[in-house]
Protein backbone atom coordinates (compact mmCIF):
# COMPACT_ATOMS: atom_id res chain seq x y z
CA MET A 1 9.31 0.72 -146.76
CA ILE A 2 10.73 0.91 -143.25
CA GLN A 3 7.35 1.73 -141.92
CA LEU A 4 5.87 -1.31 -143.61
CA ALA A 5 8.66 -3.52 -142.23
CA ILE A 6 7.95 -2.27 -138.66
CA CYS A 7 4.28 -2.76 -139.18
CA VAL A 8 4.74 -6.32 -140.46
CA CYS A 9 6.97 -7.18 -137.42
CA LEU A 10 4.32 -5.75 -135.02
CA VAL A 11 1.55 -7.68 -136.71
CA TRP A 12 3.59 -10.86 -136.75
CA CYS A 13 4.25 -10.53 -133.04
CA LEU A 14 0.48 -9.97 -132.56
CA ILE A 15 -0.25 -13.15 -134.60
CA LYS A 16 2.09 -15.16 -132.33
CA LEU A 17 0.43 -13.77 -129.19
CA ILE A 18 -3.25 -14.08 -130.27
CA ASP A 19 -3.22 -17.21 -132.41
CA LYS A 20 -2.56 -20.10 -130.06
CA ASP A 21 -3.66 -22.72 -132.62
CA GLU A 22 -1.11 -21.39 -135.19
CA VAL A 23 -3.72 -21.11 -137.97
CA LEU A 24 -2.07 -17.94 -139.21
CA ASP A 25 1.63 -17.50 -140.28
CA GLY A 26 4.11 -14.85 -141.21
CA PHE A 27 2.85 -14.59 -144.76
CA THR A 28 -0.50 -13.59 -143.37
CA ALA A 29 1.13 -10.80 -141.53
CA ILE A 30 2.71 -9.64 -144.79
CA ALA A 31 -0.61 -9.75 -146.58
CA PHE A 32 -2.38 -7.89 -143.73
CA VAL A 33 0.11 -4.98 -144.22
CA LEU A 34 0.88 -4.96 -147.89
CA VAL A 35 -2.65 -5.23 -149.37
CA PRO A 36 -3.82 -2.14 -147.38
CA ALA A 37 -0.59 -0.38 -148.25
CA PHE A 38 -1.31 -0.79 -151.94
CA ILE A 39 -4.94 0.34 -151.40
CA LEU A 40 -3.57 3.42 -149.60
CA PHE A 41 -1.03 4.09 -152.41
CA GLY A 42 -3.89 3.85 -154.98
CA GLY A 43 -6.01 6.18 -152.85
CA SER A 44 -3.18 8.73 -152.58
CA LEU A 45 -2.88 8.70 -156.37
CA LEU A 46 -6.66 9.32 -156.60
CA VAL A 47 -6.51 12.12 -154.04
CA SER A 48 -3.64 13.84 -155.79
CA GLN A 49 -5.10 13.33 -159.25
CA PHE A 50 -8.53 14.79 -158.51
CA GLY A 51 -7.22 17.44 -156.07
CA LEU A 52 -9.19 16.19 -153.15
CA PRO A 53 -8.33 17.31 -149.57
CA ILE A 54 -5.66 15.15 -147.75
CA GLN A 55 -8.19 14.13 -145.15
CA ALA A 56 -9.84 11.91 -147.77
CA LEU A 57 -6.91 9.48 -147.23
CA LEU A 58 -8.26 8.69 -143.83
CA ILE A 59 -10.98 6.56 -145.67
CA PHE A 60 -8.19 4.54 -147.27
CA GLU A 61 -6.38 4.12 -143.92
CA LEU A 62 -9.43 2.07 -142.85
CA ALA A 63 -8.30 -0.60 -145.24
CA TYR A 64 -5.86 -1.62 -142.42
CA PHE A 65 -8.99 -2.69 -140.46
CA PHE A 66 -11.30 -4.04 -143.23
CA VAL A 67 -8.71 -6.14 -145.16
CA PRO A 68 -7.80 -8.31 -142.14
CA LEU A 69 -11.47 -8.42 -141.16
CA VAL A 70 -12.50 -9.90 -144.54
CA MET A 71 -9.40 -12.13 -144.84
CA LEU A 72 -9.86 -13.57 -141.30
CA LYS A 73 -13.56 -14.19 -141.80
CA ILE A 74 -12.91 -16.11 -145.13
CA MET A 75 -9.81 -17.97 -143.89
CA THR A 76 -10.64 -18.95 -140.31
CA GLN A 77 -13.43 -20.01 -138.01
CA PHE A 78 -12.57 -17.44 -135.41
CA SER A 79 -15.33 -15.71 -133.52
CA TRP A 80 -16.44 -12.22 -134.55
CA MET A 81 -14.98 -10.72 -131.40
CA LYS A 82 -11.61 -12.21 -132.04
CA ILE A 83 -11.70 -11.20 -135.74
CA ILE A 84 -12.68 -7.59 -134.88
CA GLY A 85 -10.15 -7.34 -132.07
CA PHE A 86 -7.38 -8.66 -134.29
CA SER A 87 -8.31 -6.26 -137.16
CA PHE A 88 -8.25 -3.32 -134.73
CA ALA A 89 -4.87 -4.47 -133.53
CA VAL A 90 -3.59 -4.37 -137.09
CA LEU A 91 -4.96 -0.83 -137.46
CA VAL A 92 -3.30 0.21 -134.22
CA ALA A 93 0.00 -1.44 -135.29
CA ASN A 94 -0.09 0.68 -138.42
CA PHE A 95 -0.60 3.88 -136.47
CA VAL A 96 2.23 2.88 -134.05
CA SER A 97 4.68 2.16 -136.85
CA GLN A 98 3.80 5.49 -138.43
CA ILE A 99 4.49 7.28 -135.22
CA VAL A 100 7.78 5.42 -134.83
CA ILE A 101 8.93 6.43 -138.23
CA ARG A 102 7.92 10.10 -137.70
CA LEU A 103 9.87 10.09 -134.46
CA LEU A 104 12.96 8.53 -136.00
CA LEU A 105 12.91 10.99 -138.91
CA ALA A 106 12.31 14.08 -136.73
């Protein structure tokens, strides 16, 4: 949960930096992080239930890229480059928050 909170804060800061027209808000940041987190949780249940290798979870980590991509394309009139850049930034924010948590717990 702490990792999700750090990731939401990072994504919210990115929204404030990138979105000058203020089309997106804080609830969008929460949705960009929680929806992929639930997808990842369901994927981890599938991986453990069927005995798949742990590397299969990397496919579910890509939800941090594709969920914002689809949501931004449906919700806004941003250009594809801005949508792809923002989606990649959400994926990077997820990895950064995971690294921060690993360093704090180590």
